[in-house]
Amino acid sequence: MLDYEDHLRQRGFRQWTKDDREAREVRAVGRRSENRSDPTDRTDPSDRAVYARWFDHADSAVVANAIICLIHQTNYLLDQQIRGLERDFIQQGGYSEQLAAARVQHRQRELDRSDRTDQSDSPAAPACRLCGKPLVLRTARQGSNAGSQFWGCSSYPQCKGTQPLA
């Protein structure tokens, strides 16, 4: 944008204000484009044609001013998108936070499902000594006990209570 503004300034051309008729006409083209059936489809060959009136103009001041208007319009739309993303992040959390919440829900569903099934072939689950919730059978993934089973609290990671198999 600075290059186009420099072009106008160095040649003594006037830069359009946002309220100039020409600037409003350029912005109006973008508004009309928002109403197409699929606004994400940018393969339409007429996209350039709608701005040809300014892009193909013989006066370089008109071309530069039109491009400056489009840069302003793009910046505005990007700012709106960033504000929307910030709002969504505050209200719903970030991607990692959403994944962690989904994982906790999955664990809870698995725990609820295991509570409903008959576990007569497995040892009875003792209660956690720290919080009193039922322990679940777990397998160590790392360390010197990797591969061995132990009892771990069903409310992990809030409670880290463990107990060896009897």
N, C-alpha and C. Protein backbone atom coordinates (compact mmCIF):
# COMPACT_ATOMS: atom_id res chain seq x y z
N MET A 1 0.83 -1.19 0.00
CA MET A 1 0.00 0.00 0.00
C MET A 1 0.88 1.25 0.00
N LEU A 2 1.98 1.18 0.75
CA LEU A 2 2.87 2.35 0.80
C LEU A 2 3.44 2.68 -0.56
N ASP A 3 3.72 1.67 -1.36
CA ASP A 3 4.25 1.92 -2.71
C ASP A 3 3.23 2.67 -3.57
N TYR A 4 1.98 2.29 -3.47
CA TYR A 4 0.94 2.98 -4.25
C TYR A 4 0.73 4.41 -3.73
N GLU A 5 0.79 4.58 -2.41
CA GLU A 5 0.67 5.93 -1.86
C GLU A 5 1.87 6.78 -2.29
N ASP A 6 3.07 6.20 -2.28
CA ASP A 6 4.25 6.93 -2.76
C ASP A 6 4.11 7.32 -4.22
N HIS A 7 3.58 6.40 -5.03
CA HIS A 7 3.37 6.68 -6.45
C HIS A 7 2.50 7.93 -6.62
N LEU A 8 1.40 7.99 -5.86
CA LEU A 8 0.51 9.14 -5.96
C LEU A 8 1.19 10.42 -5.48
N ARG A 9 1.88 10.32 -4.35
CA ARG A 9 2.52 11.49 -3.76
C ARG A 9 3.64 12.03 -4.65
N GLN A 10 4.49 11.15 -5.17
CA GLN A 10 5.64 11.59 -5.98
C GLN A 10 5.22 12.22 -7.30
N ARG A 11 4.06 11.84 -7.79
CA ARG A 11 3.60 12.40 -9.07
C ARG A 11 2.58 13.52 -8.86
N GLY A 12 2.31 13.83 -7.61
CA GLY A 12 1.40 14.93 -7.32
C GLY A 12 -0.06 14.59 -7.55
N PHE A 13 -0.40 13.30 -7.56
CA PHE A 13 -1.79 12.90 -7.75
C PHE A 13 -2.53 12.92 -6.41
N ARG A 14 -3.83 13.09 -6.47
CA ARG A 14 -4.67 13.10 -5.28
C ARG A 14 -5.02 11.67 -4.88
N GLN A 15 -4.93 11.40 -3.57
CA GLN A 15 -5.36 10.09 -3.06
C GLN A 15 -6.81 10.21 -2.63
N TRP A 16 -7.61 9.24 -3.04
CA TRP A 16 -9.02 9.26 -2.69
C TRP A 16 -9.20 9.07 -1.19
N THR A 17 -10.17 9.79 -0.64
CA THR A 17 -10.55 9.53 0.76
C THR A 17 -11.62 8.44 0.74
N LYS A 18 -11.93 7.91 1.90
CA LYS A 18 -12.91 6.82 1.93
C LYS A 18 -14.30 7.29 1.53
N ASP A 19 -14.54 8.59 1.60
CA ASP A 19 -15.86 9.11 1.25
C ASP A 19 -15.97 9.60 -0.19
N ASP A 20 -14.87 9.55 -0.95
CA ASP A 20 -14.93 9.96 -2.36
C ASP A 20 -15.84 9.01 -3.13
N ARG A 21 -16.51 9.55 -4.11
CA ARG A 21 -17.43 8.76 -4.93
C ARG A 21 -16.72 7.56 -5.55
N GLU A 22 -15.51 7.75 -6.06
CA GLU A 22 -14.77 6.66 -6.71
C GLU A 22 -14.46 5.53 -5.72
N ALA A 23 -14.04 5.91 -4.51
CA ALA A 23 -13.72 4.91 -3.49
C ALA A 23 -14.97 4.12 -3.09
N ARG A 24 -16.09 4.81 -2.97
CA ARG A 24 -17.34 4.13 -2.62
C ARG A 24 -17.75 3.15 -3.73
N GLU A 25 -17.50 3.52 -5.00
CA GLU A 25 -17.84 2.63 -6.11
C GLU A 25 -16.99 1.37 -6.08
N VAL A 26 -15.70 1.51 -5.79
CA VAL A 26 -14.81 0.34 -5.71
C VAL A 26 -15.28 -0.58 -4.57
N ARG A 27 -15.59 0.00 -3.42
CA ARG A 27 -16.06 -0.81 -2.28
C ARG A 27 -17.39 -1.49 -2.59
N ALA A 28 -18.23 -0.83 -3.35
CA ALA A 28 -19.55 -1.39 -3.67
C ALA A 28 -19.42 -2.67 -4.50
N VAL A 29 -18.38 -2.77 -5.31
CA VAL A 29 -18.17 -3.99 -6.11
C VAL A 29 -17.94 -5.17 -5.18
N GLY A 30 -17.14 -4.98 -4.14
CA GLY A 30 -16.88 -6.05 -3.18
C GLY A 30 -18.14 -6.47 -2.44
N ARG A 31 -18.98 -5.52 -2.13
CA ARG A 31 -20.24 -5.85 -1.44
C ARG A 31 -21.15 -6.68 -2.34
N ARG A 32 -21.19 -6.34 -3.63
CA ARG A 32 -22.01 -7.12 -4.55
C ARG A 32 -21.46 -8.53 -4.68
N SER A 33 -20.15 -8.69 -4.62
CA SER A 33 -19.54 -10.02 -4.74
C SER A 33 -19.85 -10.88 -3.54
N GLU A 34 -20.14 -10.27 -2.37
CA GLU A 34 -20.47 -11.05 -1.17
C GLU A 34 -21.78 -11.79 -1.33
N ASN A 35 -22.61 -11.35 -2.26
CA ASN A 35 -23.94 -11.92 -2.40
C ASN A 35 -24.00 -13.10 -3.37
N ARG A 36 -22.87 -13.54 -3.89
CA ARG A 36 -22.91 -14.68 -4.80
C ARG A 36 -23.18 -15.95 -4.02
N SER A 37 -23.60 -17.00 -4.71
CA SER A 37 -24.04 -18.22 -4.04
C SER A 37 -22.92 -18.87 -3.24
N ASP A 38 -21.70 -18.88 -3.75
CA ASP A 38 -20.57 -19.45 -3.01
C ASP A 38 -19.46 -18.42 -2.96
N PRO A 39 -19.43 -17.59 -1.89
CA PRO A 39 -18.44 -16.51 -1.82
C PRO A 39 -17.01 -17.02 -1.70
N THR A 40 -16.81 -18.30 -1.38
CA THR A 40 -15.44 -18.83 -1.27
C THR A 40 -14.90 -19.27 -2.62
N ASP A 41 -15.76 -19.35 -3.64
CA ASP A 41 -15.33 -19.79 -4.96
C ASP A 41 -14.71 -18.61 -5.70
N ARG A 42 -13.39 -18.61 -5.75
CA ARG A 42 -12.67 -17.52 -6.42
C ARG A 42 -12.22 -17.92 -7.83
N THR A 43 -12.81 -18.99 -8.39
CA THR A 43 -12.43 -19.43 -9.73
C THR A 43 -13.21 -18.72 -10.81
N ASP A 44 -14.15 -17.89 -10.41
CA ASP A 44 -14.98 -17.17 -11.37
C ASP A 44 -14.10 -16.25 -12.21
N PRO A 45 -14.04 -16.46 -13.53
CA PRO A 45 -13.17 -15.62 -14.38
C PRO A 45 -13.62 -14.17 -14.44
N SER A 46 -14.82 -13.88 -14.03
CA SER A 46 -15.30 -12.50 -14.08
C SER A 46 -14.84 -11.68 -12.89
N ASP A 47 -14.13 -12.29 -11.91
CA ASP A 47 -13.67 -11.55 -10.74
C ASP A 47 -12.81 -10.35 -11.15
N ARG A 48 -11.85 -10.57 -12.03
CA ARG A 48 -11.00 -9.47 -12.48
C ARG A 48 -11.81 -8.49 -13.32
N ALA A 49 -12.75 -9.01 -14.06
CA ALA A 49 -13.53 -8.16 -14.96
C ALA A 49 -14.34 -7.12 -14.20
N VAL A 50 -14.78 -7.44 -12.97
CA VAL A 50 -15.58 -6.47 -12.24
C VAL A 50 -14.75 -5.25 -11.82
N TYR A 51 -13.43 -5.41 -11.76
CA TYR A 51 -12.56 -4.29 -11.40
C TYR A 51 -11.82 -3.73 -12.62
N ALA A 52 -12.09 -4.25 -13.81
CA ALA A 52 -11.37 -3.84 -15.02
C ALA A 52 -11.52 -2.34 -15.27
N ARG A 53 -12.63 -1.81 -14.91
CA ARG A 53 -12.88 -0.36 -15.11
C ARG A 53 -11.77 0.46 -14.47
N TRP A 54 -11.25 0.02 -13.34
CA TRP A 54 -10.19 0.75 -12.64
C TRP A 54 -8.80 0.20 -12.98
N PHE A 55 -8.68 -1.14 -13.05
CA PHE A 55 -7.37 -1.74 -13.30
C PHE A 55 -6.83 -1.44 -14.69
N ASP A 56 -7.72 -1.33 -15.67
CA ASP A 56 -7.30 -1.09 -17.05
C ASP A 56 -7.36 0.38 -17.44
N HIS A 57 -7.56 1.26 -16.47
CA HIS A 57 -7.68 2.69 -16.73
C HIS A 57 -6.34 3.25 -17.21
N ALA A 58 -6.38 4.21 -18.11
CA ALA A 58 -5.15 4.80 -18.65
C ALA A 58 -4.44 5.67 -17.61
N ASP A 59 -5.16 6.22 -16.67
CA ASP A 59 -4.59 7.09 -15.65
C ASP A 59 -4.07 6.23 -14.49
N SER A 60 -2.77 6.27 -14.24
CA SER A 60 -2.17 5.45 -13.18
C SER A 60 -2.68 5.86 -11.80
N ALA A 61 -3.14 7.08 -11.63
CA ALA A 61 -3.68 7.52 -10.35
C ALA A 61 -4.97 6.76 -10.03
N VAL A 62 -5.79 6.50 -11.03
CA VAL A 62 -7.02 5.75 -10.83
C VAL A 62 -6.69 4.31 -10.43
N VAL A 63 -5.72 3.70 -11.11
CA VAL A 63 -5.32 2.32 -10.81
C VAL A 63 -4.79 2.25 -9.38
N ALA A 64 -3.88 3.15 -9.03
CA ALA A 64 -3.28 3.15 -7.69
C ALA A 64 -4.34 3.37 -6.61
N ASN A 65 -5.22 4.31 -6.83
CA ASN A 65 -6.28 4.57 -5.84
C ASN A 65 -7.22 3.38 -5.69
N ALA A 66 -7.56 2.72 -6.79
CA ALA A 66 -8.43 1.55 -6.72
C ALA A 66 -7.75 0.43 -5.93
N ILE A 67 -6.47 0.23 -6.16
CA ILE A 67 -5.74 -0.82 -5.45
C ILE A 67 -5.65 -0.47 -3.96
N ILE A 68 -5.43 0.79 -3.65
CA ILE A 68 -5.40 1.22 -2.24
C ILE A 68 -6.75 0.93 -1.59
N CYS A 69 -7.85 1.20 -2.30
CA CYS A 69 -9.19 0.91 -1.76
C CYS A 69 -9.34 -0.58 -1.48
N LEU A 70 -8.86 -1.42 -2.39
CA LEU A 70 -8.98 -2.87 -2.20
C LEU A 70 -8.10 -3.35 -1.05
N ILE A 71 -6.95 -2.73 -0.88
CA ILE A 71 -6.09 -3.10 0.25
C ILE A 71 -6.78 -2.74 1.57
N HIS A 72 -7.38 -1.55 1.62
CA HIS A 72 -8.14 -1.16 2.82
C HIS A 72 -9.28 -2.14 3.09
N GLN A 73 -9.98 -2.52 2.03
CA GLN A 73 -11.11 -3.45 2.18
C GLN A 73 -10.61 -4.81 2.67
N THR A 74 -9.50 -5.27 2.14
CA THR A 74 -8.92 -6.54 2.57
C THR A 74 -8.49 -6.47 4.03
N ASN A 75 -7.84 -5.38 4.41
CA ASN A 75 -7.42 -5.21 5.81
C ASN A 75 -8.63 -5.22 6.75
N TYR A 76 -9.69 -4.55 6.34
CA TYR A 76 -10.91 -4.53 7.16
C TYR A 76 -11.46 -5.94 7.34
N LEU A 77 -11.54 -6.70 6.25
CA LEU A 77 -12.08 -8.05 6.33
C LEU A 77 -11.19 -8.95 7.18
N LEU A 78 -9.88 -8.80 7.05
CA LEU A 78 -8.95 -9.59 7.88
C LEU A 78 -9.10 -9.22 9.36
N ASP A 79 -9.25 -7.94 9.65
CA ASP A 79 -9.46 -7.51 11.04
C ASP A 79 -10.74 -8.13 11.60
N GLN A 80 -11.81 -8.16 10.79
CA GLN A 80 -13.07 -8.76 11.22
C GLN A 80 -12.86 -10.26 11.51
N GLN A 81 -12.11 -10.93 10.63
CA GLN A 81 -11.88 -12.36 10.82
C GLN A 81 -11.06 -12.60 12.10
N ILE A 82 -10.06 -11.79 12.34
CA ILE A 82 -9.23 -11.94 13.54
C ILE A 82 -10.08 -11.71 14.78
N ARG A 83 -10.94 -10.68 14.77
CA ARG A 83 -11.82 -10.44 15.92
C ARG A 83 -12.74 -11.63 16.17
N GLY A 84 -13.26 -12.21 15.10
CA GLY A 84 -14.12 -13.37 15.24
C GLY A 84 -13.37 -14.56 15.81
N LEU A 85 -12.14 -14.78 15.35
CA LEU A 85 -11.33 -15.88 15.88
C LEU A 85 -11.00 -15.65 17.36
N GLU A 86 -10.69 -14.41 17.72
CA GLU A 86 -10.41 -14.10 19.12
C GLU A 86 -11.64 -14.36 19.98
N ARG A 87 -12.80 -13.94 19.49
CA ARG A 87 -14.05 -14.15 20.24
C ARG A 87 -14.32 -15.65 20.41
N ASP A 88 -14.14 -16.42 19.34
CA ASP A 88 -14.35 -17.87 19.42
C ASP A 88 -13.36 -18.51 20.38
N PHE A 89 -12.10 -18.04 20.36
CA PHE A 89 -11.09 -18.60 21.24
C PHE A 89 -11.45 -18.34 22.70
N ILE A 90 -11.91 -17.13 22.99
CA ILE A 90 -12.29 -16.79 24.37
C ILE A 90 -13.50 -17.60 24.81
N GLN A 91 -14.48 -17.76 23.93
CA GLN A 91 -15.71 -18.45 24.29
C GLN A 91 -15.56 -19.97 24.30
N GLN A 92 -14.78 -20.51 23.35
CA GLN A 92 -14.74 -21.96 23.18
C GLN A 92 -13.37 -22.56 23.49
N GLY A 93 -12.36 -21.75 23.66
CA GLY A 93 -11.01 -22.26 23.91
C GLY A 93 -10.29 -22.53 22.61
N GLY A 94 -9.02 -22.83 22.74
CA GLY A 94 -8.20 -23.12 21.58
C GLY A 94 -8.32 -24.57 21.16
N TYR A 95 -7.64 -24.90 20.10
CA TYR A 95 -7.70 -26.25 19.53
C TYR A 95 -7.22 -27.29 20.53
N SER A 96 -6.09 -27.06 21.16
CA SER A 96 -5.55 -28.02 22.14
C SER A 96 -6.50 -28.18 23.32
N GLU A 97 -7.07 -27.08 23.74
CA GLU A 97 -8.02 -27.12 24.85
C GLU A 97 -9.26 -27.93 24.49
N GLN A 98 -9.75 -27.77 23.26
CA GLN A 98 -10.91 -28.52 22.81
C GLN A 98 -10.58 -30.01 22.69
N LEU A 99 -9.36 -30.33 22.21
CA LEU A 99 -8.96 -31.73 22.13
C LEU A 99 -8.88 -32.36 23.51
N ALA A 100 -8.31 -31.64 24.47
CA ALA A 100 -8.21 -32.16 25.83
C ALA A 100 -9.60 -32.41 26.42
N ALA A 101 -10.52 -31.48 26.19
CA ALA A 101 -11.88 -31.65 26.70
C ALA A 101 -12.56 -32.85 26.05
N ALA A 102 -12.34 -33.03 24.76
CA ALA A 102 -12.92 -34.18 24.06
C ALA A 102 -12.33 -35.49 24.60
N ARG A 103 -11.05 -35.48 24.89
CA ARG A 103 -10.40 -36.67 25.45
C ARG A 103 -10.95 -37.00 26.83
N VAL A 104 -11.15 -35.99 27.66
CA VAL A 104 -11.71 -36.22 28.99
C VAL A 104 -13.13 -36.78 28.87
N GLN A 105 -13.93 -36.25 27.95
CA GLN A 105 -15.29 -36.76 27.73
C GLN A 105 -15.25 -38.21 27.27
N HIS A 106 -14.31 -38.52 26.38
CA HIS A 106 -14.17 -39.89 25.90
C HIS A 106 -13.81 -40.82 27.05
N ARG A 107 -12.87 -40.41 27.87
CA ARG A 107 -12.49 -41.23 29.03
C ARG A 107 -13.68 -41.46 29.95
N GLN A 108 -14.46 -40.41 30.18
CA GLN A 108 -15.61 -40.53 31.05
C GLN A 108 -16.64 -41.50 30.45
N ARG A 109 -16.88 -41.42 29.15
CA ARG A 109 -17.80 -42.34 28.49
C ARG A 109 -17.30 -43.78 28.61
N GLU A 110 -16.01 -43.98 28.42
CA GLU A 110 -15.43 -45.31 28.55
C GLU A 110 -15.60 -45.82 29.98
N LEU A 111 -15.36 -44.93 30.95
CA LEU A 111 -15.52 -45.31 32.35
C LEU A 111 -16.97 -45.67 32.66
N ASP A 112 -17.91 -44.84 32.15
CA ASP A 112 -19.33 -45.11 32.36
C ASP A 112 -19.72 -46.44 31.73
N ARG A 113 -19.19 -46.71 30.54
CA ARG A 113 -19.49 -47.95 29.84
C ARG A 113 -18.93 -49.14 30.61
N SER A 114 -17.71 -49.00 31.14
CA SER A 114 -17.11 -50.12 31.88
C SER A 114 -17.83 -50.35 33.21
N ASP A 115 -18.41 -49.29 33.78
CA ASP A 115 -19.18 -49.44 35.01
C ASP A 115 -20.45 -50.26 34.76
N ARG A 116 -21.02 -50.15 33.55
CA ARG A 116 -22.27 -50.84 33.24
C ARG A 116 -22.06 -52.29 32.82
N THR A 117 -20.86 -52.64 32.36
CA THR A 117 -20.62 -54.00 31.89
C THR A 117 -20.26 -54.92 33.03
N ASP A 118 -20.49 -56.20 32.83
CA ASP A 118 -20.15 -57.20 33.84
C ASP A 118 -18.65 -57.46 33.79
N GLN A 119 -18.00 -57.26 34.89
CA GLN A 119 -16.55 -57.43 34.93
C GLN A 119 -16.20 -58.61 35.83
N SER A 120 -16.95 -59.69 35.70
CA SER A 120 -16.73 -60.85 36.57
C SER A 120 -15.41 -61.53 36.29
N ASP A 121 -14.87 -61.39 35.05
CA ASP A 121 -13.61 -62.04 34.73
C ASP A 121 -12.40 -61.22 35.15
N SER A 122 -12.61 -59.99 35.59
CA SER A 122 -11.50 -59.16 36.06
C SER A 122 -11.65 -58.94 37.56
N PRO A 123 -10.53 -58.65 38.22
CA PRO A 123 -10.61 -58.44 39.66
C PRO A 123 -11.49 -57.23 39.99
N ALA A 124 -12.13 -57.26 41.15
CA ALA A 124 -12.99 -56.15 41.57
C ALA A 124 -12.14 -54.90 41.76
N ALA A 125 -12.63 -53.78 41.26
CA ALA A 125 -11.88 -52.53 41.32
C ALA A 125 -11.96 -51.94 42.72
N PRO A 126 -10.81 -51.74 43.35
CA PRO A 126 -10.82 -51.10 44.67
C PRO A 126 -11.09 -49.60 44.55
N ALA A 127 -11.34 -48.96 45.65
CA ALA A 127 -11.55 -47.52 45.68
C ALA A 127 -10.19 -46.82 45.83
N CYS A 128 -10.10 -45.63 45.27
CA CYS A 128 -8.87 -44.83 45.38
C CYS A 128 -8.69 -44.40 46.84
N ARG A 129 -7.49 -44.53 47.33
CA ARG A 129 -7.21 -44.15 48.72
C ARG A 129 -7.19 -42.64 48.90
N LEU A 130 -6.98 -41.90 47.79
CA LEU A 130 -6.90 -40.43 47.89
C LEU A 130 -8.27 -39.76 47.77
N CYS A 131 -9.08 -40.23 46.81
CA CYS A 131 -10.35 -39.52 46.57
C CYS A 131 -11.58 -40.40 46.72
N GLY A 132 -11.42 -41.71 46.81
CA GLY A 132 -12.55 -42.60 47.00
C GLY A 132 -13.23 -43.08 45.74
N LYS A 133 -12.85 -42.57 44.57
CA LYS A 133 -13.45 -43.00 43.32
C LYS A 133 -12.88 -44.37 42.95
N PRO A 134 -13.57 -45.11 42.05
CA PRO A 134 -13.07 -46.44 41.69
C PRO A 134 -11.76 -46.34 40.90
N LEU A 135 -10.91 -47.33 41.11
CA LEU A 135 -9.67 -47.43 40.35
C LEU A 135 -9.95 -48.22 39.08
N VAL A 136 -9.16 -47.98 38.05
CA VAL A 136 -9.28 -48.73 36.79
C VAL A 136 -7.95 -49.39 36.50
N LEU A 137 -8.01 -50.50 35.79
CA LEU A 137 -6.81 -51.24 35.45
C LEU A 137 -6.06 -50.50 34.34
N ARG A 138 -4.80 -50.22 34.57
CA ARG A 138 -3.99 -49.49 33.60
C ARG A 138 -2.70 -50.24 33.34
N THR A 139 -2.03 -49.89 32.24
CA THR A 139 -0.75 -50.49 31.88
C THR A 139 0.29 -49.39 31.79
N ALA A 140 1.41 -49.59 32.50
CA ALA A 140 2.50 -48.60 32.47
C ALA A 140 3.09 -48.54 31.07
N ARG A 141 3.29 -47.33 30.55
CA ARG A 141 3.80 -47.15 29.18
C ARG A 141 5.30 -46.92 29.14
N GLN A 142 5.86 -46.43 30.22
CA GLN A 142 7.29 -46.10 30.20
C GLN A 142 7.89 -46.34 31.58
N GLY A 143 9.19 -46.20 31.66
CA GLY A 143 9.88 -46.38 32.93
C GLY A 143 10.24 -47.83 33.17
N SER A 144 10.71 -48.12 34.36
CA SER A 144 11.16 -49.47 34.69
C SER A 144 10.01 -50.47 34.76
N ASN A 145 8.78 -49.99 34.93
CA ASN A 145 7.61 -50.87 35.01
C ASN A 145 6.80 -50.92 33.72
N ALA A 146 7.39 -50.48 32.62
CA ALA A 146 6.68 -50.43 31.34
C ALA A 146 6.12 -51.81 31.01
N GLY A 147 4.84 -51.84 30.63
CA GLY A 147 4.17 -53.09 30.26
C GLY A 147 3.45 -53.76 31.41
N SER A 148 3.76 -53.40 32.64
CA SER A 148 3.10 -54.03 33.79
C SER A 148 1.81 -53.28 34.12
N GLN A 149 0.86 -54.00 34.71
CA GLN A 149 -0.43 -53.40 35.02
C GLN A 149 -0.48 -52.91 36.46
N PHE A 150 -1.32 -51.93 36.70
CA PHE A 150 -1.51 -51.37 38.04
C PHE A 150 -2.90 -50.75 38.09
N TRP A 151 -3.35 -50.42 39.28
CA TRP A 151 -4.61 -49.72 39.46
C TRP A 151 -4.34 -48.22 39.43
N GLY A 152 -5.11 -47.47 38.64
CA GLY A 152 -5.00 -46.01 38.59
C GLY A 152 -6.36 -45.38 38.79
N CYS A 153 -6.38 -44.22 39.39
CA CYS A 153 -7.64 -43.56 39.70
C CYS A 153 -8.41 -43.22 38.43
N SER A 154 -9.73 -43.44 38.46
CA SER A 154 -10.58 -43.15 37.30
C SER A 154 -10.75 -41.66 37.07
N SER A 155 -10.40 -40.84 38.05
CA SER A 155 -10.53 -39.39 37.85
C SER A 155 -9.21 -38.75 37.45
N TYR A 156 -8.25 -39.59 36.99
CA TYR A 156 -6.99 -39.04 36.49
C TYR A 156 -7.31 -38.09 35.35
N PRO A 157 -6.72 -36.93 35.20
CA PRO A 157 -5.53 -36.40 35.86
C PRO A 157 -5.80 -35.57 37.11
N GLN A 158 -7.08 -35.39 37.49
CA GLN A 158 -7.36 -34.62 38.70
C GLN A 158 -6.79 -35.33 39.94
N CYS A 159 -6.90 -36.65 39.97
CA CYS A 159 -6.35 -37.43 41.08
C CYS A 159 -5.34 -38.41 40.50
N LYS A 160 -4.18 -38.48 41.08
CA LYS A 160 -3.11 -39.33 40.58
C LYS A 160 -2.88 -40.56 41.44
N GLY A 161 -3.92 -40.98 42.15
CA GLY A 161 -3.81 -42.13 43.04
C GLY A 161 -3.56 -43.41 42.26
N THR A 162 -2.64 -44.24 42.75
CA THR A 162 -2.34 -45.54 42.13
C THR A 162 -2.22 -46.59 43.22
N GLN A 163 -2.27 -47.83 42.78
CA GLN A 163 -2.15 -48.94 43.72
C GLN A 163 -1.67 -50.15 42.92
N PRO A 164 -0.72 -50.94 43.46
CA PRO A 164 -0.28 -52.14 42.71
C PRO A 164 -1.39 -53.19 42.70
N LEU A 165 -1.31 -54.09 41.72
CA LEU A 165 -2.27 -55.19 41.68
C LEU A 165 -2.04 -56.08 42.89
N ALA A 166 -3.08 -56.61 43.47
CA ALA A 166 -2.96 -57.43 44.68
C ALA A 166 -2.41 -58.80 44.37
